[in-house]
C-alpha atoms as a PDB file:
ATOM      1  CA  UNK A   1      99.364 -68.555 -15.613  1.00  0.00           C
ATOM      2  CA  UNK A   2     100.068 -71.854 -13.880  1.00  0.00           C
ATOM      3  CA  UNK A   3      98.547 -75.079 -15.121  1.00  0.00           C
ATOM      4  CA  UNK A   4      97.875 -77.587 -12.373  1.00  0.00           C
ATOM      5  CA  UNK A   5      97.686 -81.211 -13.426  1.00  0.00           C
ATOM      6  CA  UNK A   6      95.434 -83.417 -11.326  1.00  0.00           C
ATOM      7  CA  UNK A   7      97.296 -86.559 -10.272  1.00  0.00           C
ATOM      8  CA  UNK A   8      94.272 -88.764  -9.598  1.00  0.00           C
ATOM      9  CA  UNK A   9      91.196 -87.237 -11.266  1.00  0.00           C
ATOM     10  CA  UNK A  10      89.103 -90.430 -11.143  1.00  0.00           C
ATOM     11  CA  UNK A  11      89.813 -90.972  -7.463  1.00  0.00           C
ATOM     12  CA  UNK A  12      88.986 -87.339  -6.757  1.00  0.00           C
ATOM     13  CA  UNK A  13      85.669 -87.481  -8.622  1.00  0.00           C
ATOM     14  CA  UNK A  14      84.806 -90.729  -6.835  1.00  0.00           C
ATOM     15  CA  UNK A  15      85.576 -89.218  -3.423  1.00  0.00           C
ATOM     16  CA  UNK A  16      83.498 -86.108  -4.135  1.00  0.00           C
ATOM     17  CA  UNK A  17      80.555 -88.306  -5.152  1.00  0.00           C
ATOM     18  CA  UNK A  18      80.735 -90.904  -2.383  1.00  0.00           C
ATOM     19  CA  UNK A  19      81.515 -88.477   0.447  1.00  0.00           C
ATOM     20  CA  UNK A  20      78.269 -86.588  -0.066  1.00  0.00           C
ATOM     21  CA  UNK A  21      75.995 -89.413  -1.115  1.00  0.00           C
ATOM     22  CA  UNK A  22      74.289 -92.544   0.099  1.00  0.00           C
ATOM     23  CA  UNK A  23      73.201 -93.433  -3.389  1.00  0.00           C
ATOM     24  CA  UNK A  24      71.416 -91.642  -6.168  1.00  0.00           C
ATOM     25  CA  UNK A  25      68.682 -89.851  -4.303  1.00  0.00           C
ATOM     26  CA  UNK A  26      69.243 -86.209  -5.150  1.00  0.00           C
ATOM     27  CA  UNK A  27      69.942 -84.344  -8.373  1.00  0.00           C
ATOM     28  CA  UNK A  28      73.380 -83.211  -7.179  1.00  0.00           C
ATOM     29  CA  UNK A  29      74.228 -86.801  -6.254  1.00  0.00           C
ATOM     30  CA  UNK A  30      73.326 -87.848  -9.790  1.00  0.00           C
ATOM     31  CA  UNK A  31      75.461 -85.091 -11.289  1.00  0.00           C
ATOM     32  CA  UNK A  32      78.463 -86.052  -9.156  1.00  0.00           C
ATOM     33  CA  UNK A  33      77.955 -89.711 -10.136  1.00  0.00           C
ATOM     34  CA  UNK A  34      77.791 -88.802 -13.838  1.00  0.00           C
ATOM     35  CA  UNK A  35      80.985 -86.721 -13.498  1.00  0.00           C
ATOM     36  CA  UNK A  36      82.653 -89.742 -11.891  1.00  0.00           C
ATOM     37  CA  UNK A  37      81.544 -92.089 -14.707  1.00  0.00           C
ATOM     38  CA  UNK A  38      82.653 -89.579 -17.319  1.00  0.00           C
ATOM     39  CA  UNK A  39      86.082 -89.276 -15.687  1.00  0.00           C
ATOM     40  CA  UNK A  40      86.466 -93.087 -15.604  1.00  0.00           C
ATOM     41  CA  UNK A  41      85.865 -93.136 -19.336  1.00  0.00           C
ATOM     42  CA  UNK A  42      87.890 -90.024 -20.187  1.00  0.00           C
ATOM     43  CA  UNK A  43      91.003 -91.099 -18.288  1.00  0.00           C
ATOM     44  CA  UNK A  44      90.806 -94.765 -19.380  1.00  0.00           C
ATOM     45  CA  UNK A  45      90.842 -95.934 -15.764  1.00  0.00           C
ATOM     46  CA  UNK A  46      90.888 -99.673 -16.374  1.00  0.00           C
ATOM     47  CA  UNK A  47      90.658-100.668 -12.699  1.00  0.00           C
ATOM     48  CA  UNK A  48      87.603 -98.485 -12.247  1.00  0.00           C
ATOM     49  CA  UNK A  49      85.808-100.000 -15.250  1.00  0.00           C
ATOM     50  CA  UNK A  50      85.380-103.223 -13.278  1.00  0.00           C
ATOM     51  CA  UNK A  51      82.028-103.201 -11.462  1.00  0.00           C
ATOM     52  CA  UNK A  52      83.393-105.344  -8.627  1.00  0.00           C
ATOM     53  CA  UNK A  53      86.216-102.851  -8.064  1.00  0.00           C
ATOM     54  CA  UNK A  54      83.672-100.034  -7.789  1.00  0.00           C
ATOM     55  CA  UNK A  55      81.551-102.075  -5.383  1.00  0.00           C
ATOM     56  CA  UNK A  56      84.597-102.742  -3.194  1.00  0.00           C
ATOM     57  CA  UNK A  57      85.557 -99.048  -3.187  1.00  0.00           C
ATOM     58  CA  UNK A  58      82.021 -97.921  -2.319  1.00  0.00           C
ATOM     59  CA  UNK A  59      81.811-100.319   0.609  1.00  0.00           C
ATOM     60  CA  UNK A  60      85.310 -99.358   1.824  1.00  0.00           C
ATOM     61  CA  UNK A  61      84.418 -95.673   1.862  1.00  0.00           C
ATOM     62  CA  UNK A  62      80.840 -96.025   3.062  1.00  0.00           C
ATOM     63  CA  UNK A  63      80.248 -99.359   4.890  1.00  0.00           C
ATOM     64  CA  UNK A  64      76.602 -98.552   5.618  1.00  0.00           C
ATOM     65  CA  UNK A  65      75.710 -98.048   1.958  1.00  0.00           C
ATOM     66  CA  UNK A  66      72.260 -99.424   1.137  1.00  0.00           C
ATOM     67  CA  UNK A  67      72.565-102.689  -0.834  1.00  0.00           C
ATOM     68  CA  UNK A  68      69.539-102.008  -3.062  1.00  0.00           C
ATOM     69  CA  UNK A  69      70.852 -98.581  -4.022  1.00  0.00           C
ATOM     70  CA  UNK A  70      74.309-100.007  -4.562  1.00  0.00           C
ATOM     71  CA  UNK A  71      72.980-102.630  -6.967  1.00  0.00           C
ATOM     72  CA  UNK A  72      71.028 -99.984  -8.922  1.00  0.00           C
ATOM     73  CA  UNK A  73      74.136 -97.805  -9.075  1.00  0.00           C
ATOM     74  CA  UNK A  74      76.270-100.697 -10.327  1.00  0.00           C
ATOM     75  CA  UNK A  75      73.692-101.496 -13.011  1.00  0.00           C
ATOM     76  CA  UNK A  76      73.530 -97.857 -14.088  1.00  0.00           C
ATOM     77  CA  UNK A  77      77.332 -97.653 -14.019  1.00  0.00           C
ATOM     78  CA  UNK A  78      77.616-100.585 -16.438  1.00  0.00           C
ATOM     79  CA  UNK A  79      75.043 -99.053 -18.753  1.00  0.00           C
ATOM     80  CA  UNK A  80      76.717 -95.631 -18.753  1.00  0.00           C
ATOM     81  CA  UNK A  81      80.183 -97.066 -19.413  1.00  0.00           C
ATOM     82  CA  UNK A  82      78.727 -99.060 -22.303  1.00  0.00           C
ATOM     83  CA  UNK A  83      77.137 -95.887 -23.630  1.00  0.00           C
ATOM     84  CA  UNK A  84      80.461 -94.056 -23.411  1.00  0.00           C
ATOM     85  CA  UNK A  85      82.149 -96.745 -25.541  1.00  0.00           C
ATOM     86  CA  UNK A  86      79.807 -96.230 -28.480  1.00  0.00           C
ATOM     87  CA  UNK A  87      81.396 -94.169 -31.221  1.00  0.00           C
ATOM     88  CA  UNK A  88      79.386 -91.460 -32.899  1.00  0.00           C
ATOM     89  CA  UNK A  89      77.972 -92.793 -36.143  1.00  0.00           C
ATOM     90  CA  UNK A  90      76.128 -91.080 -38.891  1.00  0.00           C
ATOM     91  CA  UNK A  91      72.513 -92.150 -38.665  1.00  0.00           C
ATOM     92  CA  UNK A  92      70.779 -93.395 -41.773  1.00  0.00           C
ATOM     93  CA  UNK A  93      67.031 -93.025 -41.867  1.00  0.00           C
ATOM     94  CA  UNK A  94      64.866 -95.340 -43.920  1.00  0.00           C
ATOM     95  CA  UNK A  95      62.010 -93.619 -45.681  1.00  0.00           C
END
């Protein structure tokens, strides 16, 4: 069996999301966006963690992207990356 290593997994997940989307409007668009965010975190893509870098890339690949949707996506992106940083901790309940 041959193992194929992806050279640019973050770029690939970004392209698959942005090529088929004009923002988060459909469930499949959301799933592709979440896969992209997860790949940014999993592969420690430092350039991609910058919101301004993402904004630049979105506008390069889709110049007609709606500004309101883009701002919501950037806000959600920041929130999701922050969520990914949180380490799993044992929860203590107060009774």
